[in-house]
N, C-alpha and C. Protein backbone atom coordinates (compact mmCIF):
# COMPACT_ATOMS: atom_id res chain seq x y z
N MET A 1 18.52 -98.97 35.38
CA MET A 1 18.01 -97.79 36.05
C MET A 1 16.49 -97.90 36.13
N SER A 2 15.94 -97.72 37.30
CA SER A 2 14.49 -97.85 37.46
C SER A 2 13.79 -96.55 37.10
N ILE A 3 12.47 -96.61 37.05
CA ILE A 3 11.66 -95.44 36.73
C ILE A 3 11.82 -94.34 37.78
N PHE A 4 12.21 -94.73 39.00
CA PHE A 4 12.36 -93.75 40.06
C PHE A 4 13.68 -92.99 39.98
N ASN A 5 14.57 -93.36 39.10
CA ASN A 5 15.84 -92.67 38.93
C ASN A 5 15.83 -91.70 37.76
N LYS A 6 14.77 -91.72 36.97
CA LYS A 6 14.69 -90.83 35.82
C LYS A 6 13.23 -90.65 35.41
N GLY A 7 12.98 -89.63 34.65
CA GLY A 7 11.66 -89.43 34.08
C GLY A 7 10.71 -88.63 34.93
N PRO A 8 9.43 -88.66 34.56
CA PRO A 8 8.43 -87.81 35.20
C PRO A 8 8.21 -88.08 36.69
N VAL A 9 8.24 -89.33 37.12
CA VAL A 9 8.01 -89.62 38.53
C VAL A 9 9.12 -89.00 39.37
N TYR A 10 10.34 -89.18 38.95
CA TYR A 10 11.49 -88.59 39.64
C TYR A 10 11.39 -87.07 39.65
N SER A 11 11.04 -86.50 38.53
CA SER A 11 10.91 -85.05 38.41
C SER A 11 9.85 -84.50 39.35
N VAL A 12 8.69 -85.15 39.43
CA VAL A 12 7.60 -84.68 40.27
C VAL A 12 7.96 -84.80 41.75
N VAL A 13 8.43 -85.95 42.17
CA VAL A 13 8.69 -86.20 43.58
C VAL A 13 9.86 -85.36 44.11
N PHE A 14 10.91 -85.21 43.32
CA PHE A 14 12.11 -84.52 43.79
C PHE A 14 12.25 -83.10 43.24
N SER A 15 11.24 -82.59 42.56
CA SER A 15 11.22 -81.22 42.02
C SER A 15 12.44 -80.94 41.13
N LYS A 16 12.61 -81.79 40.14
CA LYS A 16 13.72 -81.64 39.19
C LYS A 16 13.19 -81.22 37.83
N CYS A 17 14.07 -80.72 36.99
CA CYS A 17 13.70 -80.32 35.64
C CYS A 17 13.05 -81.49 34.92
N PRO A 18 11.88 -81.29 34.32
CA PRO A 18 11.21 -82.41 33.66
C PRO A 18 11.93 -82.91 32.42
N LYS A 19 12.72 -82.06 31.79
CA LYS A 19 13.38 -82.45 30.55
C LYS A 19 14.66 -83.26 30.80
N CYS A 20 15.49 -82.82 31.76
CA CYS A 20 16.77 -83.50 31.97
C CYS A 20 16.92 -84.14 33.36
N ASN A 21 16.05 -83.83 34.30
CA ASN A 21 16.10 -84.35 35.67
C ASN A 21 17.37 -83.99 36.43
N LEU A 22 18.06 -82.94 36.03
CA LEU A 22 19.34 -82.63 36.67
C LEU A 22 19.31 -81.38 37.55
N SER A 23 18.46 -80.44 37.27
CA SER A 23 18.45 -79.17 37.99
C SER A 23 17.18 -79.04 38.84
N ASN A 24 17.27 -78.33 39.94
CA ASN A 24 16.11 -78.10 40.80
C ASN A 24 15.16 -77.10 40.16
N LEU A 25 13.86 -77.29 40.36
CA LEU A 25 12.85 -76.37 39.84
C LEU A 25 12.72 -75.10 40.68
N TYR A 26 12.95 -75.21 41.97
CA TYR A 26 12.66 -74.11 42.89
C TYR A 26 13.93 -73.45 43.40
N VAL A 27 13.80 -72.18 43.76
CA VAL A 27 14.91 -71.41 44.29
C VAL A 27 15.41 -72.06 45.57
N ASP A 28 14.49 -72.44 46.45
CA ASP A 28 14.82 -73.15 47.68
C ASP A 28 14.15 -74.51 47.59
N ASN A 29 14.91 -75.57 47.59
CA ASN A 29 14.35 -76.90 47.37
C ASN A 29 13.58 -77.45 48.57
N HIS A 30 13.64 -76.79 49.71
CA HIS A 30 12.93 -77.26 50.91
C HIS A 30 11.50 -76.71 50.91
N PRO A 31 10.47 -77.57 50.82
CA PRO A 31 9.09 -77.08 50.69
C PRO A 31 8.55 -76.38 51.93
N TYR A 32 9.16 -76.59 53.09
CA TYR A 32 8.64 -75.98 54.32
C TYR A 32 9.27 -74.63 54.63
N HIS A 33 10.08 -74.10 53.75
CA HIS A 33 10.50 -72.70 53.83
C HIS A 33 9.42 -71.90 53.10
N LEU A 34 8.38 -71.55 53.82
CA LEU A 34 7.14 -71.06 53.23
C LEU A 34 7.28 -69.74 52.48
N LYS A 35 8.25 -68.91 52.85
CA LYS A 35 8.42 -67.63 52.14
C LYS A 35 8.86 -67.85 50.70
N LYS A 36 9.49 -68.97 50.43
CA LYS A 36 9.99 -69.26 49.08
C LYS A 36 9.27 -70.46 48.46
N LEU A 37 8.09 -70.80 48.98
CA LEU A 37 7.38 -72.00 48.55
C LEU A 37 7.13 -72.04 47.05
N GLY A 38 6.65 -70.96 46.47
CA GLY A 38 6.29 -70.95 45.05
C GLY A 38 7.32 -70.30 44.14
N GLN A 39 8.47 -69.92 44.68
CA GLN A 39 9.47 -69.25 43.85
C GLN A 39 10.24 -70.28 43.01
N MET A 40 9.94 -70.26 41.71
CA MET A 40 10.60 -71.17 40.79
C MET A 40 11.72 -70.44 40.05
N LYS A 41 12.70 -71.20 39.63
CA LYS A 41 13.74 -70.64 38.78
C LYS A 41 13.13 -70.35 37.42
N LYS A 42 13.73 -69.47 36.66
CA LYS A 42 13.20 -69.11 35.34
C LYS A 42 13.40 -70.23 34.33
N GLU A 43 14.57 -70.88 34.41
CA GLU A 43 14.88 -71.97 33.47
C GLU A 43 15.89 -72.92 34.09
N CYS A 44 16.04 -74.07 33.45
CA CYS A 44 16.97 -75.09 33.91
C CYS A 44 18.41 -74.61 33.69
N GLU A 45 19.23 -74.79 34.70
CA GLU A 45 20.63 -74.39 34.61
C GLU A 45 21.44 -75.32 33.70
N LYS A 46 20.93 -76.53 33.47
CA LYS A 46 21.67 -77.52 32.68
C LYS A 46 21.24 -77.54 31.21
N CYS A 47 19.92 -77.62 30.97
CA CYS A 47 19.45 -77.80 29.59
C CYS A 47 18.76 -76.56 29.01
N GLY A 48 18.48 -75.55 29.84
CA GLY A 48 17.87 -74.32 29.35
C GLY A 48 16.35 -74.36 29.21
N GLN A 49 15.71 -75.43 29.67
CA GLN A 49 14.25 -75.54 29.59
C GLN A 49 13.60 -74.43 30.43
N LYS A 50 12.69 -73.68 29.81
CA LYS A 50 11.97 -72.63 30.54
C LYS A 50 10.92 -73.29 31.43
N TYR A 51 10.84 -72.83 32.68
CA TYR A 51 9.90 -73.41 33.63
C TYR A 51 8.53 -72.74 33.61
N GLU A 52 8.41 -71.60 32.96
CA GLU A 52 7.11 -70.96 32.78
C GLU A 52 6.96 -70.65 31.29
N PRO A 53 6.44 -71.63 30.53
CA PRO A 53 6.35 -71.47 29.08
C PRO A 53 5.55 -70.25 28.63
N GLU A 54 4.54 -69.86 29.42
CA GLU A 54 3.74 -68.68 29.08
C GLU A 54 3.16 -68.10 30.36
N THR A 55 2.75 -66.86 30.30
CA THR A 55 2.16 -66.19 31.44
C THR A 55 0.89 -66.92 31.86
N GLY A 56 0.76 -67.15 33.15
CA GLY A 56 -0.43 -67.83 33.67
C GLY A 56 -0.42 -69.33 33.47
N PHE A 57 0.70 -69.89 33.10
CA PHE A 57 0.81 -71.32 32.80
C PHE A 57 0.33 -72.19 33.97
N TYR A 58 0.65 -71.80 35.18
CA TYR A 58 0.37 -72.65 36.34
C TYR A 58 -1.05 -72.55 36.88
N TYR A 59 -1.92 -71.78 36.23
CA TYR A 59 -3.33 -71.77 36.65
C TYR A 59 -3.94 -73.16 36.52
N GLY A 60 -3.51 -73.91 35.54
CA GLY A 60 -4.01 -75.27 35.36
C GLY A 60 -3.60 -76.20 36.48
N ALA A 61 -2.53 -75.86 37.20
CA ALA A 61 -2.08 -76.70 38.31
C ALA A 61 -3.09 -76.69 39.45
N MET A 62 -4.01 -75.74 39.45
CA MET A 62 -5.05 -75.71 40.48
C MET A 62 -5.92 -76.96 40.40
N TYR A 63 -6.18 -77.44 39.19
CA TYR A 63 -6.99 -78.65 39.03
C TYR A 63 -6.26 -79.87 39.56
N VAL A 64 -4.97 -79.92 39.32
CA VAL A 64 -4.15 -81.02 39.84
C VAL A 64 -4.12 -80.94 41.37
N SER A 65 -3.97 -79.73 41.89
CA SER A 65 -3.95 -79.53 43.34
C SER A 65 -5.27 -79.97 43.97
N TYR A 66 -6.36 -79.66 43.32
CA TYR A 66 -7.67 -80.07 43.82
C TYR A 66 -7.76 -81.60 43.89
N PHE A 67 -7.33 -82.27 42.83
CA PHE A 67 -7.35 -83.73 42.79
C PHE A 67 -6.48 -84.32 43.90
N LEU A 68 -5.26 -83.80 44.06
CA LEU A 68 -4.36 -84.30 45.11
C LEU A 68 -4.95 -84.05 46.49
N SER A 69 -5.58 -82.90 46.67
CA SER A 69 -6.19 -82.58 47.97
C SER A 69 -7.30 -83.57 48.30
N ILE A 70 -8.11 -83.89 47.31
CA ILE A 70 -9.18 -84.87 47.53
C ILE A 70 -8.59 -86.21 47.96
N LEU A 71 -7.54 -86.65 47.28
CA LEU A 71 -6.89 -87.91 47.64
C LEU A 71 -6.38 -87.89 49.07
N PHE A 72 -5.69 -86.80 49.43
CA PHE A 72 -5.06 -86.73 50.74
C PHE A 72 -6.04 -86.39 51.86
N MET A 73 -7.30 -86.12 51.52
CA MET A 73 -8.30 -85.90 52.56
C MET A 73 -9.25 -87.09 52.68
N PHE A 74 -9.74 -87.61 51.57
CA PHE A 74 -10.76 -88.65 51.65
C PHE A 74 -10.20 -90.04 51.91
N ILE A 75 -9.02 -90.34 51.42
CA ILE A 75 -8.44 -91.66 51.69
C ILE A 75 -8.16 -91.84 53.18
N PRO A 76 -7.46 -90.89 53.84
CA PRO A 76 -7.27 -91.06 55.29
C PRO A 76 -8.59 -91.07 56.06
N ALA A 77 -9.55 -90.23 55.66
CA ALA A 77 -10.84 -90.20 56.35
C ALA A 77 -11.55 -91.55 56.20
N GLY A 78 -11.51 -92.12 55.02
CA GLY A 78 -12.13 -93.42 54.79
C GLY A 78 -11.47 -94.52 55.60
N ILE A 79 -10.14 -94.49 55.64
CA ILE A 79 -9.41 -95.50 56.42
C ILE A 79 -9.74 -95.38 57.91
N LEU A 80 -9.76 -94.13 58.40
CA LEU A 80 -10.08 -93.93 59.82
C LEU A 80 -11.49 -94.42 60.14
N TYR A 81 -12.41 -94.09 59.27
CA TYR A 81 -13.80 -94.46 59.52
C TYR A 81 -14.02 -95.97 59.42
N LEU A 82 -13.49 -96.58 58.37
CA LEU A 82 -13.73 -98.01 58.14
C LEU A 82 -12.90 -98.91 59.06
N ALA A 83 -11.64 -98.55 59.26
CA ALA A 83 -10.75 -99.43 60.04
C ALA A 83 -10.84 -99.18 61.55
N PHE A 84 -11.06 -97.92 61.93
CA PHE A 84 -11.01 -97.60 63.36
C PHE A 84 -12.34 -97.10 63.92
N ASP A 85 -13.34 -96.97 63.05
CA ASP A 85 -14.68 -96.53 63.46
C ASP A 85 -14.62 -95.25 64.30
N THR A 86 -13.90 -94.26 63.81
CA THR A 86 -13.76 -92.99 64.53
C THR A 86 -14.95 -92.08 64.27
N SER A 87 -15.09 -91.10 65.13
CA SER A 87 -16.20 -90.15 65.00
C SER A 87 -15.90 -89.15 63.88
N LEU A 88 -16.94 -88.45 63.47
CA LEU A 88 -16.81 -87.43 62.43
C LEU A 88 -15.84 -86.33 62.86
N GLU A 89 -15.94 -85.91 64.12
CA GLU A 89 -15.06 -84.85 64.63
C GLU A 89 -13.59 -85.28 64.59
N THR A 90 -13.33 -86.53 64.97
CA THR A 90 -11.96 -87.04 64.92
C THR A 90 -11.46 -87.10 63.49
N ASN A 91 -12.29 -87.59 62.58
CA ASN A 91 -11.92 -87.65 61.17
C ASN A 91 -11.56 -86.27 60.64
N ILE A 92 -12.41 -85.30 60.91
CA ILE A 92 -12.18 -83.94 60.41
C ILE A 92 -10.88 -83.39 60.99
N GLY A 93 -10.66 -83.57 62.28
CA GLY A 93 -9.43 -83.08 62.90
C GLY A 93 -8.18 -83.70 62.32
N VAL A 94 -8.20 -85.02 62.16
CA VAL A 94 -7.03 -85.72 61.61
C VAL A 94 -6.78 -85.31 60.15
N VAL A 95 -7.85 -85.25 59.37
CA VAL A 95 -7.71 -84.90 57.95
C VAL A 95 -7.20 -83.46 57.80
N ILE A 96 -7.70 -82.54 58.57
CA ILE A 96 -7.21 -81.15 58.51
C ILE A 96 -5.75 -81.09 58.91
N GLY A 97 -5.37 -81.84 59.95
CA GLY A 97 -3.97 -81.89 60.36
C GLY A 97 -3.06 -82.43 59.27
N ILE A 98 -3.48 -83.52 58.63
CA ILE A 98 -2.70 -84.10 57.53
C ILE A 98 -2.58 -83.10 56.39
N TYR A 99 -3.70 -82.45 56.06
CA TYR A 99 -3.70 -81.52 54.93
C TYR A 99 -2.80 -80.30 55.20
N ILE A 100 -2.86 -79.77 56.41
CA ILE A 100 -2.00 -78.63 56.75
C ILE A 100 -0.53 -79.03 56.65
N PHE A 101 -0.20 -80.22 57.14
CA PHE A 101 1.17 -80.71 57.07
C PHE A 101 1.61 -80.94 55.63
N MET A 102 0.72 -81.48 54.80
CA MET A 102 1.06 -81.84 53.43
C MET A 102 0.93 -80.70 52.42
N TYR A 103 0.30 -79.59 52.80
CA TYR A 103 0.03 -78.53 51.83
C TYR A 103 1.25 -78.07 51.04
N PRO A 104 2.39 -77.75 51.67
CA PRO A 104 3.54 -77.31 50.86
C PRO A 104 3.99 -78.36 49.84
N ILE A 105 3.94 -79.62 50.21
CA ILE A 105 4.35 -80.68 49.29
C ILE A 105 3.33 -80.80 48.15
N LEU A 106 2.05 -80.78 48.48
CA LEU A 106 1.01 -80.89 47.47
C LEU A 106 1.03 -79.70 46.52
N PHE A 107 1.30 -78.51 47.05
CA PHE A 107 1.40 -77.32 46.21
C PHE A 107 2.49 -77.50 45.16
N ARG A 108 3.65 -77.95 45.59
CA ARG A 108 4.76 -78.15 44.65
C ARG A 108 4.50 -79.32 43.71
N TRP A 109 3.99 -80.40 44.22
CA TRP A 109 3.71 -81.56 43.36
C TRP A 109 2.71 -81.20 42.28
N SER A 110 1.71 -80.38 42.60
CA SER A 110 0.73 -80.01 41.58
C SER A 110 1.39 -79.21 40.46
N ARG A 111 2.28 -78.30 40.81
CA ARG A 111 3.02 -77.55 39.78
C ARG A 111 3.95 -78.48 38.99
N ASN A 112 4.61 -79.37 39.70
CA ASN A 112 5.53 -80.30 39.04
C ASN A 112 4.79 -81.22 38.06
N ILE A 113 3.64 -81.73 38.49
CA ILE A 113 2.85 -82.59 37.61
C ILE A 113 2.39 -81.81 36.39
N TRP A 114 1.89 -80.59 36.61
CA TRP A 114 1.40 -79.77 35.50
C TRP A 114 2.53 -79.51 34.49
N LEU A 115 3.71 -79.16 34.96
CA LEU A 115 4.84 -78.92 34.06
C LEU A 115 5.24 -80.19 33.32
N ASN A 116 5.21 -81.33 34.03
CA ASN A 116 5.58 -82.60 33.40
C ASN A 116 4.58 -83.05 32.35
N LEU A 117 3.35 -82.59 32.43
CA LEU A 117 2.36 -82.93 31.40
C LEU A 117 2.71 -82.29 30.05
N PHE A 118 3.43 -81.17 30.08
CA PHE A 118 3.72 -80.43 28.86
C PHE A 118 5.19 -80.50 28.42
N VAL A 119 6.07 -80.90 29.31
CA VAL A 119 7.51 -81.00 28.98
C VAL A 119 7.95 -82.44 29.17
N PRO A 120 8.17 -83.18 28.08
CA PRO A 120 8.56 -84.59 28.22
C PRO A 120 10.02 -84.75 28.62
N PHE A 121 10.29 -85.84 29.33
CA PHE A 121 11.67 -86.20 29.69
C PHE A 121 12.41 -86.60 28.42
N ASP A 122 13.66 -86.16 28.30
CA ASP A 122 14.48 -86.46 27.12
C ASP A 122 15.80 -87.07 27.55
N GLU A 123 15.91 -88.37 27.42
CA GLU A 123 17.11 -89.10 27.82
C GLU A 123 18.34 -88.63 27.05
N GLU A 124 18.17 -88.26 25.78
CA GLU A 124 19.30 -87.81 24.96
C GLU A 124 19.87 -86.49 25.47
N VAL A 125 19.01 -85.57 25.89
CA VAL A 125 19.47 -84.30 26.42
C VAL A 125 20.27 -84.55 27.71
N LYS A 126 19.75 -85.43 28.56
CA LYS A 126 20.44 -85.76 29.81
C LYS A 126 21.81 -86.39 29.52
N ALA A 127 21.85 -87.29 28.53
CA ALA A 127 23.11 -87.96 28.18
C ALA A 127 24.13 -86.96 27.64
N LYS A 128 23.68 -85.98 26.84
CA LYS A 128 24.60 -84.95 26.31
C LYS A 128 25.19 -84.12 27.44
N ILE A 129 24.35 -83.76 28.40
CA ILE A 129 24.82 -82.92 29.51
C ILE A 129 25.81 -83.68 30.38
N LEU A 130 25.51 -84.94 30.65
CA LEU A 130 26.38 -85.74 31.51
C LEU A 130 27.64 -86.22 30.79
N GLY A 131 27.60 -86.14 29.46
CA GLY A 131 28.79 -86.48 28.67
C GLY A 131 28.84 -87.90 28.36
């Protein structure tokens, strides 16, 4: 089994429980249903892991979101400028378009990363649940 089938990377990318990787974190798993973008379940249906350990827990995810935003704005801008020698206006337009398109995914990934920093993956818990 590769790292992409279990653990933190799988949990972050596919919005799964960080402890067992079996249950979805969000009420609606589709990130582009914007009315339910930030609605998380209270706890994992399989292992009982609470998704909000304390009030205000996800304020720290803003720092992760900021970092991801920088990556998704400056890397494409740099590639456009260096590889295609585009104008500043074109760079800004393309980067804003990419960011608007990616915002729901980045929002969820930042929360997922933040939760995974504090809740480690537990292979034994997953094995118990799966039998």
